[in-house]
Amino acid sequence: MIILAGHLKTSPEHVEELAAALQSLVADTLLEDGCLDYNFAIQDRAAGAILVYERWRDQDALNTHLALPAIGAVLGGWADRIEIAVRKFDAANERGFTE
């Protein structure tokens, strides 16, 4: 499993617009083969920070997602206005919270 977690940062005056652009991707992305979770939330409006959390079955599923025109349009359209501080993790031992 692949987990992406971190922040996207933009200027405070653009954070709501960026959040809306990201939210517009959620419903369709959750239907993609291999998408387990796909979430964005404004964490700090004053700092322009949006929390990112995604889980993917594997790298192939993530690669397919990233190659979609809608994803490229959002990322490309915001490329000069965001800082991507997102990390990718490989998870091989998923279990319940109390296990």
Protein backbone atom coordinates (compact mmCIF):
# COMPACT_ATOMS: atom_id res chain seq x y z
CA MET A 1 0.00 0.00 0.00
CA ILE A 2 1.14 3.54 -0.76
CA ILE A 3 0.27 6.40 1.59
CA LEU A 4 0.67 10.06 0.69
CA ALA A 5 0.53 12.47 3.62
CA GLY A 6 1.53 16.06 4.13
CA HIS A 7 0.55 19.56 3.09
CA LEU A 8 0.01 21.73 0.09
CA LYS A 9 0.78 25.34 0.84
CA THR A 10 -0.41 28.40 -1.02
CA SER A 11 -0.94 32.01 -0.12
CA PRO A 12 -3.76 32.55 2.39
CA GLU A 13 -5.85 34.45 -0.17
CA HIS A 14 -5.81 31.38 -2.47
CA VAL A 15 -6.36 28.59 0.07
CA GLU A 16 -10.15 28.39 -0.36
CA GLU A 17 -9.83 28.30 -4.15
CA LEU A 18 -7.19 25.56 -3.98
CA ALA A 19 -9.28 23.55 -1.53
CA ALA A 20 -12.28 23.77 -3.88
CA ALA A 21 -10.17 22.64 -6.85
CA LEU A 22 -8.91 19.65 -4.87
CA GLN A 23 -12.36 18.78 -3.57
CA SER A 24 -13.65 18.72 -7.14
CA LEU A 25 -11.40 15.68 -7.72
CA VAL A 26 -12.47 13.62 -4.72
CA ALA A 27 -15.69 11.91 -5.86
CA ASP A 28 -14.27 10.60 -9.14
CA THR A 29 -10.93 9.67 -7.58
CA LEU A 30 -12.58 7.55 -4.91
CA LEU A 31 -14.10 5.47 -7.74
CA GLU A 32 -10.71 4.76 -9.31
CA ASP A 33 -9.35 1.24 -9.15
CA GLY A 34 -6.82 1.12 -6.35
CA CYS A 35 -7.88 4.27 -4.51
CA LEU A 36 -8.46 3.48 -0.84
CA ASP A 37 -8.67 7.03 0.59
CA TYR A 38 -8.42 10.49 -0.93
CA ASN A 39 -8.83 13.44 1.43
CA PHE A 40 -8.03 17.12 1.64
CA ALA A 41 -8.81 19.58 4.43
CA ILE A 42 -7.82 23.14 5.13
CA GLN A 43 -5.58 22.88 8.16
CA ASP A 44 -4.55 26.51 8.61
CA ARG A 45 -6.22 29.24 6.55
CA ALA A 46 -3.84 31.94 7.78
CA ALA A 47 -0.85 29.89 6.66
CA GLY A 48 -2.49 28.68 3.42
CA ALA A 49 -2.00 25.03 4.44
CA ILE A 50 -4.12 22.15 3.17
CA LEU A 51 -3.75 18.70 4.71
CA VAL A 52 -3.34 15.85 2.20
CA TYR A 53 -4.03 12.18 2.98
CA GLU A 54 -4.26 9.50 0.30
CA ARG A 55 -4.01 5.71 0.34
CA TRP A 56 -3.45 3.67 -2.81
CA ARG A 57 -3.37 -0.09 -3.32
CA ASP A 58 0.00 0.15 -5.08
CA GLN A 59 2.28 2.38 -7.11
CA ASP A 60 0.64 1.37 -10.39
CA ALA A 61 -2.75 2.65 -9.17
CA LEU A 62 -1.16 5.93 -8.05
CA ASN A 63 0.68 6.30 -11.38
CA THR A 64 -2.57 5.77 -13.29
CA HIS A 65 -4.25 8.43 -11.14
CA LEU A 66 -1.45 10.95 -11.60
CA ALA A 67 -1.59 10.46 -15.40
CA LEU A 68 -5.26 11.48 -15.60
CA PRO A 69 -5.93 14.76 -17.44
CA ALA A 70 -8.02 16.15 -14.54
CA ILE A 71 -5.16 15.65 -12.09
CA GLY A 72 -2.65 17.21 -14.47
CA ALA A 73 -4.97 20.16 -15.03
CA VAL A 74 -5.27 20.93 -11.32
CA LEU A 75 -1.61 20.35 -10.49
CA GLY A 76 -0.43 22.18 -13.60
CA GLY A 77 -2.82 25.06 -13.06
CA TRP A 78 -1.55 25.55 -9.53
CA ALA A 79 2.13 24.72 -10.13
CA ASP A 80 3.35 28.29 -9.68
CA ARG A 81 1.12 28.94 -6.65
CA ILE A 82 1.70 25.92 -4.41
CA GLU A 83 4.45 24.33 -2.42
CA ILE A 84 4.10 20.56 -2.20
CA ALA A 85 5.23 19.19 1.15
CA VAL A 86 3.79 15.70 0.75
CA ARG A 87 5.67 12.49 1.57
CA LYS A 88 5.10 9.01 0.14
CA PHE A 89 5.21 5.95 2.38
CA ASP A 90 5.12 2.24 1.62
CA ALA A 91 2.94 0.43 4.17
CA ALA A 92 3.35 -3.32 4.43
CA ASN A 93 1.84 -4.08 7.83
CA GLU A 94 -1.62 -2.50 8.05
CA ARG A 95 -3.65 -3.41 11.16
CA GLY A 96 -6.32 -1.99 13.40
CA PHE A 97 -5.63 0.85 15.81
CA THR A 98 -5.64 -1.38 18.91
CA GLU A 99 -3.79 -4.31 17.36
